[in-house]
């Protein structure tokens, strides 16, 4: 974190997150802020008060945490209060993330009407099938003056157009990107997140241990495969960990499941995986999937969000219905038994990750997005 102040050419962005705990949007933000460098100054609001994701931000990033008074049961009062803060702070641009930041979008309508980008990454488990009508209407009202609504998946793009009724000119599909070279690099065995036994097959996943990830489903599917020389590695932490440990005991595979906890460098685990598996009830464009593909891994997953479109054509038969646990078990069992197929899928996923989901393309797109909308950038161009 730097505190030297912004230069005349620095563009100040106020980012509002529902939480600044570690997650996909926070990881993406940290990556973008790092790569964009000193041309941007970042002010960060965490509506929940959690700020663990600041650990992801390199020291050279110019950022500050903005304290707020949040009254969750009185959103209108929040909106008026945030409008006042926006007038006081007067950033060059407001960037809001997901449903939890919508009160700032409303505040911007009440207040200074700054250039505004809203980034939507997905939904919680309560809106997997049907979105709440109240939230649909509030999005329409709150984001009516937003300059752009950015989505990382085609599924969210469809929802923004068909359900939220936003004009296509204001909806921008911008896929996530990862450093394919970082995840494709070899990792010495001594540096890996767990010890892999000779001849052992590892099924692994990297995810926050939350209910919507439904990792108990993956534990049951792995157990049903009756693995002999295989283990399941679960990387991540969260509120569901105790329940998942209990699920491993209930399925009599406690000695075959490794919980690594949170990993700041998931490549240290991915390097030891043979299969990457996901069992989520809801996703859009998960970073863990892109990282696994960049690490050259075959994928077994539930068919949610854009996952089937993200993986290579060859890998798509192993993306199965989220409501068919037997299909997930079957896909996992078949891939565990077929090393030749694993090699083919790994190669095809790596090619696609490098071609379509590079970090360079994502950074360039966000730089244009932030810069083109900033009055400061336009005034000094």
Protein backbone atom coordinates (compact mmCIF):
# COMPACT_ATOMS: atom_id res chain seq x y z
CA UNK A 1 0.00 0.00 0.00
CA UNK A 2 1.38 3.39 -0.95
CA UNK A 3 0.46 6.71 0.58
CA UNK A 4 2.24 9.23 -1.59
CA UNK A 5 -0.97 10.66 -3.07
CA UNK A 6 -2.20 10.71 -6.63
CA UNK A 7 -0.50 12.67 -9.38
CA UNK A 8 -2.41 14.86 -11.81
CA UNK A 9 -2.45 11.97 -14.26
CA UNK A 10 -3.58 9.31 -11.78
CA UNK A 11 -7.16 8.13 -12.19
CA UNK A 12 -8.92 7.42 -8.88
CA UNK A 13 -11.33 4.49 -8.86
CA UNK A 14 -13.70 3.80 -5.98
CA UNK A 15 -14.37 0.04 -5.84
CA UNK A 16 -17.33 -1.18 -3.78
CA UNK A 17 -17.45 -4.87 -2.87
CA UNK A 18 -20.11 -6.67 -0.87
CA UNK A 19 -17.12 -8.12 0.96
CA UNK A 20 -13.37 -7.87 0.56
CA UNK A 21 -12.81 -11.38 1.85
CA UNK A 22 -10.86 -13.57 -0.56
CA UNK A 23 -12.90 -14.70 -3.56
CA UNK A 24 -13.01 -14.61 -7.34
CA UNK A 25 -13.87 -10.90 -7.84
CA UNK A 26 -11.29 -9.86 -5.24
CA UNK A 27 -8.60 -12.03 -6.81
CA UNK A 28 -9.35 -10.59 -10.23
CA UNK A 29 -9.24 -7.05 -8.86
CA UNK A 30 -5.87 -7.64 -7.19
CA UNK A 31 -4.45 -9.00 -10.45
CA UNK A 32 -5.79 -6.09 -12.50
CA UNK A 33 -4.62 -3.45 -10.01
CA UNK A 34 -1.14 -4.99 -9.97
CA UNK A 35 -0.82 -5.08 -13.76
CA UNK A 36 -2.30 -1.61 -14.37
CA UNK A 37 0.28 -0.02 -12.11
CA UNK A 38 0.53 3.63 -11.01
CA UNK A 39 -1.83 5.14 -13.57
CA UNK A 40 -4.72 4.22 -11.21
CA UNK A 41 -5.33 4.85 -7.53
CA UNK A 42 -7.79 2.49 -5.83
CA UNK A 43 -10.20 3.26 -2.99
CA UNK A 44 -11.85 0.13 -1.61
CA UNK A 45 -15.14 -0.24 0.25
CA UNK A 46 -16.07 -3.54 1.90
CA UNK A 47 -19.76 -3.57 2.78
CA UNK A 48 -19.25 -6.51 5.15
CA UNK A 49 -16.22 -4.98 6.83
CA UNK A 50 -14.04 -7.97 5.95
CA UNK A 51 -10.73 -7.06 4.32
CA UNK A 52 -8.69 -10.28 4.11
CA UNK A 53 -8.21 -9.81 0.36
CA UNK A 54 -5.86 -6.90 1.03
CA UNK A 55 -3.26 -9.63 1.54
CA UNK A 56 -3.50 -10.27 -2.22
CA UNK A 57 -2.46 -6.71 -3.05
CA UNK A 58 1.26 -6.14 -3.72
CA UNK A 59 2.88 -3.39 -1.66
CA UNK A 60 3.37 -1.10 -4.66
CA UNK A 61 -0.37 -0.77 -5.37
CA UNK A 62 -1.75 2.64 -4.40
CA UNK A 63 -4.88 1.77 -2.44
CA UNK A 64 -6.82 2.86 0.62
CA UNK A 65 -9.69 1.30 2.55
CA UNK A 66 -12.68 3.61 2.89
CA UNK A 67 -14.53 3.33 6.23
CA UNK A 68 -18.33 3.35 6.05
CA UNK A 69 -21.35 3.23 8.30
CA UNK A 70 -23.55 0.40 7.00
CA UNK A 71 -27.14 -0.13 8.13
CA UNK A 72 -28.16 -3.31 6.25
CA UNK A 73 -31.82 -3.09 7.28
CA UNK A 74 -32.17 0.44 5.97
CA UNK A 75 -30.90 0.47 2.37
CA UNK A 76 -32.44 3.83 1.55
CA UNK A 77 -30.58 5.48 4.44
CA UNK A 78 -27.43 3.77 3.22
CA UNK A 79 -27.94 5.12 -0.29
CA UNK A 80 -28.32 8.72 0.96
CA UNK A 81 -25.28 8.33 3.21
CA UNK A 82 -23.17 6.87 0.40
CA UNK A 83 -24.26 9.68 -1.93
CA UNK A 84 -22.80 12.12 0.57
CA UNK A 85 -19.54 10.13 0.74
CA UNK A 86 -19.30 10.11 -3.05
CA UNK A 87 -19.61 13.90 -3.10
CA UNK A 88 -16.90 14.15 -0.44
CA UNK A 89 -14.48 11.66 -2.00
CA UNK A 90 -15.24 12.63 -5.60
CA UNK A 91 -13.42 9.75 -7.35
CA UNK A 92 -13.03 9.82 -11.10
CA UNK A 93 -15.13 6.71 -11.40
CA UNK A 94 -17.36 4.39 -9.35
CA UNK A 95 -16.95 0.63 -9.80
CA UNK A 96 -19.51 -1.57 -8.03
CA UNK A 97 -19.41 -5.35 -7.73
CA UNK A 98 -22.48 -7.58 -7.52
CA UNK A 99 -25.74 -7.24 -5.62
CA UNK A 100 -24.20 -6.24 -2.31
CA UNK A 101 -22.88 -2.95 -3.71
CA UNK A 102 -26.15 -1.79 -5.25
CA UNK A 103 -26.80 0.85 -2.57
CA UNK A 104 -23.77 2.75 -3.86
CA UNK A 105 -25.25 2.64 -7.35
CA UNK A 106 -28.42 4.18 -5.92
CA UNK A 107 -26.34 6.71 -4.01
CA UNK A 108 -24.61 7.73 -7.21
CA UNK A 109 -28.03 8.46 -8.73
CA UNK A 110 -28.96 10.61 -5.73
CA UNK A 111 -25.58 12.31 -5.62
CA UNK A 112 -22.82 13.27 -8.03
CA UNK A 113 -23.71 10.92 -10.93
CA UNK A 114 -20.12 9.85 -11.47
CA UNK A 115 -19.09 7.62 -14.37
CA UNK A 116 -20.17 4.18 -13.16
CA UNK A 117 -19.27 0.61 -14.11
CA UNK A 118 -21.11 -2.27 -12.45
CA UNK A 119 -19.44 -5.70 -12.55
CA UNK A 120 -21.71 -8.70 -11.96
CA UNK A 121 -20.14 -12.09 -11.26
CA UNK A 122 -23.09 -14.30 -10.40
CA UNK A 123 -25.62 -15.34 -7.79
CA UNK A 124 -25.83 -17.14 -4.52
CA UNK A 125 -27.47 -20.55 -4.10
CA UNK A 126 -30.86 -18.97 -3.45
CA UNK A 127 -31.08 -17.65 -7.02
CA UNK A 128 -29.74 -20.56 -9.04
CA UNK A 129 -32.97 -21.31 -10.92
CA UNK A 130 -35.05 -18.15 -10.50
CA UNK A 131 -33.90 -14.66 -9.61
CA UNK A 132 -35.85 -12.74 -6.98
CA UNK A 133 -38.22 -10.26 -8.61
CA UNK A 134 -37.40 -7.64 -5.99
CA UNK A 135 -33.71 -7.84 -6.86
CA UNK A 136 -34.45 -7.70 -10.59
CA UNK A 137 -36.43 -4.48 -10.17
CA UNK A 138 -33.85 -2.95 -7.85
CA UNK A 139 -31.11 -3.71 -10.35
CA UNK A 140 -33.13 -2.03 -13.08
CA UNK A 141 -33.61 1.06 -10.90
CA UNK A 142 -30.18 1.16 -9.30
CA UNK A 143 -28.27 0.55 -12.50
CA UNK A 144 -30.44 2.69 -14.75
CA UNK A 145 -27.71 5.34 -14.95
CA UNK A 146 -24.72 2.98 -14.92
CA UNK A 147 -22.61 3.51 -18.01
CA UNK A 148 -21.74 -0.18 -18.36
CA UNK A 149 -22.72 -3.51 -16.84
CA UNK A 150 -19.78 -5.90 -17.19
CA UNK A 151 -20.25 -9.68 -17.03
CA UNK A 152 -17.63 -12.46 -17.29
CA UNK A 153 -19.97 -15.13 -18.69
CA UNK A 154 -22.36 -15.52 -21.58
CA UNK A 155 -24.96 -16.85 -19.15
CA UNK A 156 -24.87 -13.59 -17.18
CA UNK A 157 -24.94 -11.63 -20.41
CA UNK A 158 -28.19 -13.39 -21.34
CA UNK A 159 -29.66 -12.66 -17.90
CA UNK A 160 -28.68 -8.99 -18.09
CA UNK A 161 -30.38 -8.64 -21.46
CA UNK A 162 -33.45 -10.85 -21.00
CA UNK A 163 -34.26 -10.58 -17.28
CA UNK A 164 -32.85 -7.23 -16.25
CA UNK A 165 -33.87 -5.71 -19.60
CA UNK A 166 -30.70 -3.68 -20.06
CA UNK A 167 -29.95 -2.33 -23.50
CA UNK A 168 -27.28 -4.35 -25.32
CA UNK A 169 -25.17 -1.20 -25.77
CA UNK A 170 -24.66 -1.07 -21.97
CA UNK A 171 -23.82 -4.74 -21.41
CA UNK A 172 -20.22 -5.83 -21.96
CA UNK A 173 -19.03 -9.44 -21.95
CA UNK A 174 -15.46 -9.47 -20.62
CA UNK A 175 -14.12 -12.95 -19.78
CA UNK A 176 -11.73 -13.54 -16.91
CA UNK A 177 -8.11 -14.22 -17.72
CA UNK A 178 -5.22 -15.92 -15.95
CA UNK A 179 -1.46 -15.99 -16.22
CA UNK A 180 -1.17 -19.18 -18.24
CA UNK A 181 2.62 -19.15 -17.96
CA UNK A 182 2.47 -19.05 -14.16
CA UNK A 183 0.12 -22.02 -13.92
CA UNK A 184 1.83 -23.93 -16.68
CA UNK A 185 5.26 -23.74 -15.07
CA UNK A 186 6.69 -26.85 -13.42
CA UNK A 187 6.74 -26.92 -9.61
CA UNK A 188 9.40 -28.98 -7.79
CA UNK A 189 7.86 -31.73 -5.69
CA UNK A 190 9.34 -30.27 -2.52
CA UNK A 191 7.47 -27.01 -3.06
CA UNK A 192 4.05 -28.55 -3.66
CA UNK A 193 1.14 -28.12 -1.25
CA UNK A 194 0.96 -31.85 -0.47
CA UNK A 195 3.09 -34.96 -0.86
CA UNK A 196 2.13 -37.20 -3.75
CA UNK A 197 2.92 -40.86 -3.32
CA UNK A 198 4.56 -42.87 -6.12
CA UNK A 199 1.98 -44.10 -8.61
CA UNK A 200 -0.83 -42.24 -6.87
CA UNK A 201 -3.69 -40.55 -8.75
CA UNK A 202 -4.90 -37.21 -7.36
CA UNK A 203 -8.36 -35.78 -7.92
CA UNK A 204 -8.31 -32.19 -6.74
CA UNK A 205 -10.29 -29.00 -6.51
CA UNK A 206 -9.64 -25.40 -5.46
CA UNK A 207 -12.63 -23.50 -4.10
CA UNK A 208 -13.96 -21.50 -1.19
CA UNK A 209 -15.64 -24.00 1.12
CA UNK A 210 -19.13 -22.55 0.82
CA UNK A 211 -22.50 -24.26 0.53
CA UNK A 212 -23.03 -23.48 -3.15
CA UNK A 213 -19.78 -25.25 -4.08
CA UNK A 214 -21.45 -28.49 -2.87
CA UNK A 215 -18.16 -30.25 -2.26
CA UNK A 216 -20.00 -32.93 -0.27
CA UNK A 217 -21.28 -34.07 -3.67
CA UNK A 218 -17.68 -34.42 -4.89
CA UNK A 219 -16.72 -36.35 -1.75
CA UNK A 220 -19.60 -38.80 -2.32
CA UNK A 221 -18.77 -39.17 -6.02
CA UNK A 222 -15.11 -39.83 -5.24
CA UNK A 223 -16.04 -42.39 -2.58
CA UNK A 224 -18.44 -44.14 -5.00
CA UNK A 225 -15.57 -44.62 -7.47
CA UNK A 226 -14.02 -46.97 -4.89
CA UNK A 227 -10.54 -45.63 -5.53
CA UNK A 228 -7.61 -47.84 -4.71
CA UNK A 229 -4.45 -45.79 -5.20
CA UNK A 230 -6.08 -42.36 -5.30
CA UNK A 231 -6.75 -39.41 -3.02
CA UNK A 232 -8.98 -36.35 -3.13
CA UNK A 233 -7.34 -32.99 -2.39
CA UNK A 234 -9.56 -30.06 -1.44
CA UNK A 235 -7.82 -26.67 -1.45
CA UNK A 236 -9.56 -23.74 0.19
CA UNK A 237 -11.21 -22.74 3.43
CA UNK A 238 -14.58 -21.54 4.57
CA UNK A 239 -17.64 -22.14 6.69
CA UNK A 240 -18.32 -25.63 5.28
CA UNK A 241 -15.00 -27.20 6.24
CA UNK A 242 -16.23 -29.01 9.36
CA UNK A 243 -19.24 -30.40 7.48
CA UNK A 244 -17.01 -31.60 4.64
CA UNK A 245 -14.64 -33.31 7.04
CA UNK A 246 -17.68 -35.04 8.53
CA UNK A 247 -18.78 -36.08 5.03
CA UNK A 248 -15.38 -37.68 4.42
CA UNK A 249 -15.76 -39.67 7.66
CA UNK A 250 -19.33 -40.67 6.83
CA UNK A 251 -18.19 -42.01 3.44
CA UNK A 252 -15.27 -43.92 5.02
CA UNK A 253 -12.60 -42.07 3.02
CA UNK A 254 -11.20 -39.81 5.72
CA UNK A 255 -7.75 -41.30 5.05
CA UNK A 256 -8.11 -40.51 1.33
CA UNK A 257 -9.08 -36.83 1.60
CA UNK A 258 -6.61 -33.99 2.16
CA UNK A 259 -7.76 -30.52 3.20
CA UNK A 260 -4.94 -28.08 2.52
CA UNK A 261 -6.71 -24.93 3.77
CA UNK A 262 -6.42 -21.65 1.88
CA UNK A 263 -3.57 -21.46 -0.64
CA UNK A 264 -2.28 -18.08 -1.79
CA UNK A 265 -0.53 -19.93 -4.64
CA UNK A 266 -2.92 -22.58 -6.01
CA UNK A 267 -0.34 -23.62 -8.60
CA UNK A 268 1.50 -25.40 -5.77
CA UNK A 269 -1.46 -27.78 -5.54
CA UNK A 270 -2.49 -27.91 -9.21
CA UNK A 271 0.97 -29.17 -10.13
CA UNK A 272 0.21 -32.41 -8.25
CA UNK A 273 -3.33 -32.98 -9.57
CA UNK A 274 -4.19 -35.55 -12.23
CA UNK A 275 -7.85 -34.49 -12.53
CA UNK A 276 -9.49 -31.20 -11.61
CA UNK A 277 -13.05 -31.62 -10.34
CA UNK A 278 -15.90 -29.21 -9.59
CA UNK A 279 -19.29 -30.04 -8.10
CA UNK A 280 -20.88 -26.60 -7.73
CA UNK A 281 -24.57 -25.79 -7.79
CA UNK A 282 -23.80 -22.39 -9.30
CA UNK A 283 -20.84 -20.82 -11.09
CA UNK A 284 -20.35 -18.39 -13.94
CA UNK A 285 -16.71 -18.28 -15.06
CA UNK A 286 -14.70 -19.72 -12.16
CA UNK A 287 -11.07 -18.74 -11.81
CA UNK A 288 -10.21 -22.17 -10.43
CA UNK A 289 -11.30 -23.75 -13.69
CA UNK A 290 -9.20 -21.39 -15.82
CA UNK A 291 -6.19 -21.98 -13.59
CA UNK A 292 -6.63 -25.75 -13.84
CA UNK A 293 -6.84 -25.59 -17.63
CA UNK A 294 -3.73 -23.39 -17.69
CA UNK A 295 -1.99 -26.02 -15.57
CA UNK A 296 -2.82 -28.59 -18.25
CA UNK A 297 -5.46 -30.60 -16.40
CA UNK A 298 -8.51 -32.58 -17.53
CA UNK A 299 -11.77 -31.47 -15.91
CA UNK A 300 -14.81 -33.22 -14.48
CA UNK A 301 -17.56 -30.82 -13.45
CA UNK A 302 -21.21 -30.08 -13.04
CA UNK A 303 -22.73 -28.18 -15.96
CA UNK A 304 -23.37 -24.75 -14.47
CA UNK A 305 -22.73 -21.25 -15.80
CA UNK A 306 -20.32 -21.20 -18.73
CA UNK A 307 -18.28 -24.24 -17.68
CA UNK A 308 -19.20 -26.44 -20.64
CA UNK A 309 -18.35 -23.61 -23.04
CA UNK A 310 -15.08 -22.82 -21.28
CA UNK A 311 -13.49 -26.27 -21.45
CA UNK A 312 -12.23 -27.70 -24.72
CA UNK A 313 -14.60 -29.50 -27.08
CA UNK A 314 -12.94 -32.80 -26.22
CA UNK A 315 -13.57 -32.28 -22.49
CA UNK A 316 -17.29 -31.44 -22.77
CA UNK A 317 -18.62 -35.01 -22.33
CA UNK A 318 -17.18 -34.91 -18.79
CA UNK A 319 -19.29 -31.86 -17.86
CA UNK A 320 -22.52 -33.33 -16.50
CA UNK A 321 -25.87 -32.25 -15.10
CA UNK A 322 -25.69 -30.70 -11.64
CA UNK A 323 -28.75 -32.70 -10.55
CA UNK A 324 -27.34 -36.08 -11.64
CA UNK A 325 -24.82 -37.21 -9.04
CA UNK A 326 -24.54 -40.63 -10.69
CA UNK A 327 -23.40 -38.92 -13.89
CA UNK A 328 -20.72 -37.03 -11.95
CA UNK A 329 -19.55 -40.28 -10.39
CA UNK A 330 -19.50 -41.99 -13.78
CA UNK A 331 -17.53 -39.20 -15.46
CA UNK A 332 -15.01 -39.16 -12.64
CA UNK A 333 -14.67 -42.94 -12.61
CA UNK A 334 -14.18 -43.12 -16.39
CA UNK A 335 -11.49 -40.46 -16.37
CA UNK A 336 -9.70 -41.99 -13.40
CA UNK A 337 -9.48 -45.26 -15.33
CA UNK A 338 -8.29 -43.74 -18.65
CA UNK A 339 -4.83 -42.15 -18.50
CA UNK A 340 -4.72 -41.71 -22.28
CA UNK A 341 -7.92 -39.68 -22.22
CA UNK A 342 -6.61 -37.59 -19.34
CA UNK A 343 -3.56 -36.72 -21.42
CA UNK A 344 -5.69 -35.70 -24.42
CA UNK A 345 -8.03 -33.55 -22.36
CA UNK A 346 -5.15 -31.89 -20.54
CA UNK A 347 -3.48 -30.87 -23.80
CA UNK A 348 -6.68 -29.56 -25.37
CA UNK A 349 -7.62 -27.55 -22.26
CA UNK A 350 -4.17 -25.97 -22.14
CA UNK A 351 -4.40 -24.90 -25.78
CA UNK A 352 -7.80 -23.30 -25.21
CA UNK A 353 -6.75 -21.51 -22.02
CA UNK A 354 -3.76 -19.94 -23.75
CA UNK A 355 -5.77 -18.95 -26.82
CA UNK A 356 -8.90 -17.50 -25.17
CA UNK A 357 -8.31 -16.68 -21.50
CA UNK A 358 -4.97 -14.91 -21.29
CA UNK A 359 -4.34 -12.37 -18.57
CA UNK A 360 -2.91 -9.93 -21.12
CA UNK A 361 -6.22 -9.67 -22.98
CA UNK A 362 -8.18 -9.17 -19.74
CA UNK A 363 -5.84 -6.45 -18.43
CA UNK A 364 -5.90 -4.55 -21.72
CA UNK A 365 -9.71 -4.69 -21.76
CA UNK A 366 -10.05 -3.35 -18.21
CA UNK A 367 -7.50 -0.62 -18.90
CA UNK A 368 -9.61 0.56 -21.83
CA UNK A 369 -12.76 0.21 -19.75
CA UNK A 370 -11.50 2.32 -16.83
CA UNK A 371 -9.53 4.79 -18.88
CA UNK A 372 -12.01 5.55 -21.63
CA UNK A 373 -14.76 6.38 -19.13
CA UNK A 374 -12.66 8.64 -16.93
CA UNK A 375 -13.05 12.40 -17.41
CA UNK A 376 -9.46 12.79 -16.21
CA UNK A 377 -8.14 10.47 -18.93
CA UNK A 378 -10.13 12.30 -21.57
CA UNK A 379 -8.89 15.70 -20.33
CA UNK A 380 -5.22 14.74 -20.55
CA UNK A 381 -5.41 12.65 -23.73
